[in-house]
Amino acid sequence: MLISVASGKGGTGKTTVATNLAYSLGSRAVILDCDVEEPNAHLFLHPDMDTTEQVWAQVPEVNQDACTLCRKCVDICRFRALVVAGKSLLVFPELCHSCGGCFEVCPENALNEGRRELGQIETGHSHGLECVTGCLRVGEAMSPPLIRKVRAHVRPDKINIIDAPPGTSCPVIAAMKGTDFVLMVTEPTPFGLHDLILAVEAVKVLGLPHGLVINRSDMGDEKVRDYAQKENIPILMEIPYDRAIAESYSKGKLIAEMWPEWTDIFQELFQKIQSCLA
């Protein structure tokens, strides 16, 4: 099973839900931190990392002696990563999306396979739980290729929990696409509702089953619940505002680790997800 934990905005408690759910499921689960621009699941799980893998993107390198400046590679590139300037073909690696189209259309085989570093992936264990973390290279603009590399570590025999990036842009789609269930985390505030609506629209476009967790549920107003009822979105869990929970979060402690009764609550959340899929 593949569950993506997402949110329309940052700061709603997405990582809190993802890490505590994974921790509560224990060795049955794998957590994949796909929030590669700022991964922080490790701050709560404190895994012992076993391996580190550098991830690269394929980019073209030009053999200027073989290039005839036919411009076929320039014309096929929608991201303007190749440009003819005077009597040279220039490559802008940071703009390249590694589609490989330029290699296919070059009649002179004047393009060689180069590479650009995307970031790294670390794998390890915590409390019997498998942990996979992607970290985007500083200055790298495109996170979806690295997110797809993190998702390549999905274990078909386990419950895979994806900690998705916040928002509704391309990185979020890369993290959610093809998952079995999207667990959206929000808060009962006007900002929470606004961004939840955007997230729900994205999930509907992808045609994915989804449910809702309301964090700090005893604050704010009832508009998030009204929206969920109107859109027939099941509210699977509510986490009240509690100073003790906030303090444990600030210290990098898991709710389910500090208060064992929350392990049962998060296990019940998983059972509700199973019921939704059934």
Protein backbone atom coordinates (compact mmCIF):
# COMPACT_ATOMS: atom_id res chain seq x y z
CA MET A 1 0.00 0.00 0.00
CA LEU A 2 1.15 3.51 -0.83
CA ILE A 3 -0.21 6.42 1.25
CA SER A 4 0.75 10.01 0.51
CA VAL A 5 0.43 12.49 3.38
CA ALA A 6 -0.09 15.94 1.87
CA SER A 7 -1.25 19.45 2.75
CA GLY A 8 -2.31 22.53 0.85
CA LYS A 9 0.09 24.68 2.88
CA GLY A 10 3.10 24.28 5.10
CA GLY A 11 2.87 24.19 8.88
CA THR A 12 -0.36 22.20 9.17
CA GLY A 13 1.27 19.16 10.80
CA LYS A 14 1.81 16.98 7.71
CA THR A 15 5.16 15.61 8.87
CA THR A 16 3.76 15.10 12.37
CA VAL A 17 1.03 12.86 10.98
CA ALA A 18 3.34 11.03 8.54
CA THR A 19 6.04 10.24 11.10
CA ASN A 20 3.66 9.23 13.89
CA LEU A 21 1.64 7.03 11.54
CA ALA A 22 4.78 5.31 10.29
CA TYR A 23 6.16 4.92 13.83
CA SER A 24 2.87 3.42 15.04
CA LEU A 25 2.89 0.86 12.22
CA GLY A 26 6.48 -0.10 13.06
CA SER A 27 8.30 -2.68 10.97
CA ARG A 28 5.28 -3.06 8.69
CA ALA A 29 5.96 0.42 7.28
CA VAL A 30 8.46 2.40 5.22
CA ILE A 31 8.54 6.19 5.38
CA LEU A 32 9.73 8.08 2.31
CA ASP A 33 10.47 11.76 2.87
CA CYS A 34 9.66 13.33 -0.51
CA ASP A 35 9.70 16.88 0.85
CA VAL A 36 13.17 17.00 -0.68
CA GLU A 37 13.63 20.78 -0.57
CA GLU A 38 13.42 20.72 3.23
CA PRO A 39 13.18 17.14 4.54
CA ASN A 40 12.55 16.94 8.28
CA ALA A 41 11.07 13.51 9.04
CA HIS A 42 14.52 12.51 10.30
CA LEU A 43 14.31 15.19 12.99
CA PHE A 44 11.58 13.14 14.68
CA LEU A 45 12.56 9.58 13.80
CA HIS A 46 16.34 9.99 14.32
CA PRO A 47 17.21 7.07 12.00
CA ASP A 48 20.60 5.41 11.80
CA MET A 49 21.47 5.92 8.14
CA ASP A 50 23.02 2.94 6.36
CA THR A 51 23.57 4.20 2.81
CA THR A 52 23.95 7.49 0.92
CA GLU A 53 23.38 7.64 -2.83
CA GLN A 54 24.17 10.58 -5.09
CA VAL A 55 21.45 11.21 -7.69
CA TRP A 56 22.20 12.68 -11.10
CA ALA A 57 20.17 13.99 -14.03
CA GLN A 58 21.20 13.34 -17.61
CA VAL A 59 22.12 16.50 -19.55
CA PRO A 60 23.67 16.92 -23.02
CA GLU A 61 27.28 17.89 -23.65
CA VAL A 62 28.15 19.22 -27.11
CA ASN A 63 30.87 17.98 -29.41
CA GLN A 64 31.33 21.28 -31.23
CA ASP A 65 33.45 19.65 -33.96
CA ALA A 66 30.60 17.32 -34.93
CA CYS A 67 27.77 19.83 -34.50
CA THR A 68 26.48 21.39 -37.76
CA LEU A 69 24.17 23.90 -35.97
CA CYS A 70 21.11 22.35 -37.60
CA ARG A 71 19.03 23.56 -34.62
CA LYS A 72 16.94 20.38 -34.39
CA CYS A 73 17.86 19.96 -30.74
CA VAL A 74 17.06 23.63 -30.09
CA ASP A 75 13.64 23.33 -31.72
CA ILE A 76 12.61 20.25 -29.73
CA CYS A 77 13.64 21.66 -26.34
CA ARG A 78 10.63 23.40 -24.77
CA PHE A 79 12.71 24.66 -21.85
CA ARG A 80 15.35 26.52 -23.89
CA ALA A 81 18.19 24.48 -22.45
CA LEU A 82 19.99 24.58 -25.81
CA VAL A 83 20.72 27.77 -27.73
CA VAL A 84 22.71 28.53 -30.89
CA ALA A 85 24.96 31.51 -30.27
CA GLY A 86 27.13 32.54 -33.20
CA LYS A 87 28.96 29.44 -34.37
CA SER A 88 28.44 27.44 -31.18
CA LEU A 89 25.68 25.37 -29.58
CA LEU A 90 25.36 26.27 -25.89
CA VAL A 91 23.84 24.09 -23.16
CA PHE A 92 22.26 25.46 -19.97
CA PRO A 93 22.28 22.36 -17.71
CA GLU A 94 20.11 23.96 -15.01
CA LEU A 95 17.23 24.33 -17.51
CA CYS A 96 17.44 20.76 -18.82
CA HIS A 97 14.56 18.44 -17.85
CA SER A 98 16.45 15.31 -18.99
CA CYS A 99 13.76 14.23 -21.46
CA GLY A 100 16.37 12.94 -23.93
CA GLY A 101 14.65 14.47 -26.95
CA CYS A 102 17.77 16.30 -28.09
CA PHE A 103 19.74 13.03 -28.30
CA GLU A 104 17.00 11.46 -30.43
CA VAL A 105 16.81 14.20 -33.06
CA CYS A 106 20.51 15.03 -33.45
CA PRO A 107 21.47 13.74 -36.95
CA GLU A 108 25.22 14.03 -36.33
CA ASN A 109 25.34 12.34 -32.90
CA ALA A 110 27.03 15.52 -31.69
CA LEU A 111 25.59 15.28 -28.18
CA ASN A 112 27.23 13.24 -25.45
CA GLU A 113 25.64 12.18 -22.19
CA GLY A 114 26.66 14.47 -19.35
CA ARG A 115 25.12 14.77 -15.90
CA ARG A 116 24.03 17.30 -13.30
CA GLU A 117 23.83 16.52 -9.59
CA LEU A 118 20.26 16.59 -8.26
CA GLY A 119 20.92 15.72 -4.65
CA GLN A 120 21.22 12.62 -2.52
CA ILE A 121 19.13 9.85 -1.01
CA GLU A 122 19.82 8.37 2.41
CA THR A 123 18.34 5.12 3.69
CA GLY A 124 18.30 3.86 7.25
CA HIS A 125 16.24 2.47 10.14
CA SER A 126 14.52 3.80 13.24
CA HIS A 127 12.58 1.72 15.76
CA GLY A 128 12.45 -1.13 13.23
CA LEU A 129 11.03 1.28 10.65
CA GLU A 130 12.69 1.75 7.25
CA CYS A 131 13.42 5.41 6.42
CA VAL A 132 14.25 6.92 3.02
CA THR A 133 15.12 10.62 2.75
CA GLY A 134 15.76 12.71 -0.36
CA CYS A 135 17.67 15.98 -0.08
CA LEU A 136 17.82 18.36 -3.04
CA ARG A 137 21.16 19.96 -3.87
CA VAL A 138 21.33 23.62 -2.86
CA GLY A 139 20.68 25.69 -5.97
CA GLU A 140 18.88 22.90 -7.85
CA ALA A 141 15.55 24.14 -9.19
CA MET A 142 13.81 20.89 -10.13
CA SER A 143 12.75 18.52 -7.36
CA PRO A 144 10.37 16.10 -9.20
CA PRO A 145 13.22 13.95 -10.66
CA LEU A 146 14.66 13.44 -7.17
CA ILE A 147 11.20 12.73 -5.76
CA ARG A 148 10.75 10.00 -8.37
CA LYS A 149 14.10 8.53 -7.31
CA VAL A 150 12.95 8.47 -3.67
CA ARG A 151 9.72 6.77 -4.73
CA ALA A 152 11.77 4.09 -6.48
CA HIS A 153 12.51 2.81 -2.95
CA VAL A 154 8.84 1.87 -2.39
CA ARG A 155 8.52 -1.63 -0.91
CA PRO A 156 5.53 -3.52 -2.42
CA ASP A 157 5.41 -5.82 0.61
CA LYS A 158 5.09 -2.97 3.12
CA ILE A 159 2.92 0.01 4.00
CA ASN A 160 4.68 2.93 2.33
CA ILE A 161 4.09 6.37 3.87
CA ILE A 162 5.11 9.32 1.67
CA ASP A 163 5.71 12.66 3.39
CA ALA A 164 4.83 14.88 0.41
CA PRO A 165 5.90 18.49 -0.12
CA PRO A 166 3.36 21.17 0.85
CA GLY A 167 1.29 23.01 -1.74
CA THR A 168 -0.21 21.91 -5.07
CA SER A 169 2.66 22.40 -7.54
CA CYS A 170 4.65 19.88 -9.61
CA PRO A 171 6.62 18.40 -6.66
CA VAL A 172 3.37 17.56 -4.88
CA ILE A 173 1.93 15.91 -7.98
CA ALA A 174 5.14 13.86 -8.35
CA ALA A 175 4.76 12.68 -4.74
CA MET A 176 1.01 11.91 -4.92
CA LYS A 177 0.60 10.51 -8.44
CA GLY A 178 -0.30 6.84 -8.51
CA THR A 179 -0.64 6.42 -4.74
CA ASP A 180 -3.44 4.33 -3.24
CA PHE A 181 -4.66 7.03 -0.85
CA VAL A 182 -3.98 10.69 -0.11
CA LEU A 183 -4.24 11.72 3.54
CA MET A 184 -4.60 15.50 3.64
CA VAL A 185 -3.69 17.41 6.78
CA THR A 186 -5.21 20.83 7.44
CA GLU A 187 -6.11 23.23 10.22
CA PRO A 188 -9.49 24.91 10.89
CA THR A 189 -8.47 28.40 9.79
CA PRO A 190 -9.29 30.55 6.72
CA PHE A 191 -5.80 29.93 5.32
CA GLY A 192 -6.11 26.21 6.00
CA LEU A 193 -9.46 26.04 4.22
CA HIS A 194 -8.26 28.08 1.24
CA ASP A 195 -5.27 25.83 0.60
CA LEU A 196 -7.23 22.65 1.39
CA ILE A 197 -9.65 23.50 -1.42
CA LEU A 198 -6.73 23.81 -3.86
CA ALA A 199 -5.27 20.50 -2.66
CA VAL A 200 -8.60 18.70 -3.00
CA GLU A 201 -8.95 19.94 -6.59
CA ALA A 202 -5.50 18.55 -7.41
CA VAL A 203 -6.35 15.18 -5.85
CA LYS A 204 -9.62 15.05 -7.79
CA VAL A 205 -7.79 15.68 -11.06
CA LEU A 206 -5.55 12.71 -10.25
CA GLY A 207 -8.59 10.64 -9.32
CA LEU A 208 -7.18 9.49 -5.99
CA PRO A 209 -9.14 8.36 -2.90
CA HIS A 210 -8.59 10.81 -0.06
CA GLY A 211 -9.44 11.65 3.52
CA LEU A 212 -8.76 14.41 6.01
CA VAL A 213 -6.90 14.93 9.28
CA ILE A 214 -7.67 18.16 11.15
CA ASN A 215 -4.78 19.33 13.30
CA ARG A 216 -5.31 21.80 16.17
CA SER A 217 -8.95 20.86 15.71
CA ASP A 218 -10.34 22.74 18.72
CA MET A 219 -9.14 26.11 17.40
CA GLY A 220 -10.48 28.23 14.55
CA ASP A 221 -13.97 27.72 13.14
CA GLU A 222 -16.23 25.06 11.61
CA LYS A 223 -15.74 25.99 7.95
CA VAL A 224 -13.26 23.18 7.23
CA ARG A 225 -15.71 20.61 8.61
CA ASP A 226 -18.55 22.17 6.63
CA TYR A 227 -16.46 21.99 3.46
CA ALA A 228 -15.53 18.35 4.14
CA GLN A 229 -19.18 17.45 4.61
CA LYS A 230 -20.18 19.30 1.44
CA GLU A 231 -17.48 17.55 -0.61
CA ASN A 232 -18.10 14.17 1.07
CA ILE A 233 -14.52 13.99 2.36
CA PRO A 234 -14.22 11.72 5.40
CA ILE A 235 -12.60 13.25 8.47
CA LEU A 236 -10.49 10.34 9.67
CA MET A 237 -8.77 11.95 12.65
CA GLU A 238 -8.67 15.13 14.71
CA ILE A 239 -5.68 16.24 16.77
CA PRO A 240 -6.56 18.84 19.43
CA TYR A 241 -4.34 21.76 20.31
CA ASP A 242 -2.34 20.67 23.34
CA ARG A 243 0.60 22.57 24.80
CA ALA A 244 2.31 19.30 25.75
CA ILE A 245 2.08 18.08 22.14
CA ALA A 246 3.46 21.40 20.89
CA GLU A 247 6.36 21.19 23.32
CA SER A 248 7.19 17.61 22.29
CA TYR A 249 7.14 18.71 18.65
CA SER A 250 9.56 21.55 19.38
CA LYS A 251 11.93 19.02 20.96
CA GLY A 252 11.73 16.61 18.01
CA LYS A 253 9.68 14.03 19.92
CA LEU A 254 6.92 11.87 18.43
CA ILE A 255 3.46 12.03 19.96
CA ALA A 256 3.12 8.26 19.78
CA GLU A 257 6.49 7.81 21.46
CA MET A 258 5.75 10.22 24.30
CA TRP A 259 2.19 9.01 24.93
CA PRO A 260 1.73 5.32 23.91
CA GLU A 261 -2.06 5.69 23.73
CA TRP A 262 -1.52 7.74 20.58
CA THR A 263 0.00 4.66 18.93
CA ASP A 264 -3.44 3.05 19.08
CA ILE A 265 -5.03 6.23 17.69
CA PHE A 266 -2.69 6.30 14.69
CA GLN A 267 -3.18 2.57 14.13
CA GLU A 268 -6.92 3.25 14.11
CA LEU A 269 -6.28 5.98 11.51
CA PHE A 270 -4.66 3.37 9.27
CA GLN A 271 -7.63 1.04 9.74
CA LYS A 272 -9.95 3.87 8.67
CA ILE A 273 -7.83 4.37 5.53
CA GLN A 274 -8.21 0.66 4.79
CA SER A 275 -11.97 0.96 5.27
CA CYS A 276 -12.12 3.89 2.83
CA LEU A 277 -10.31 1.83 0.20
CA ALA A 278 -12.53 -1.17 0.88
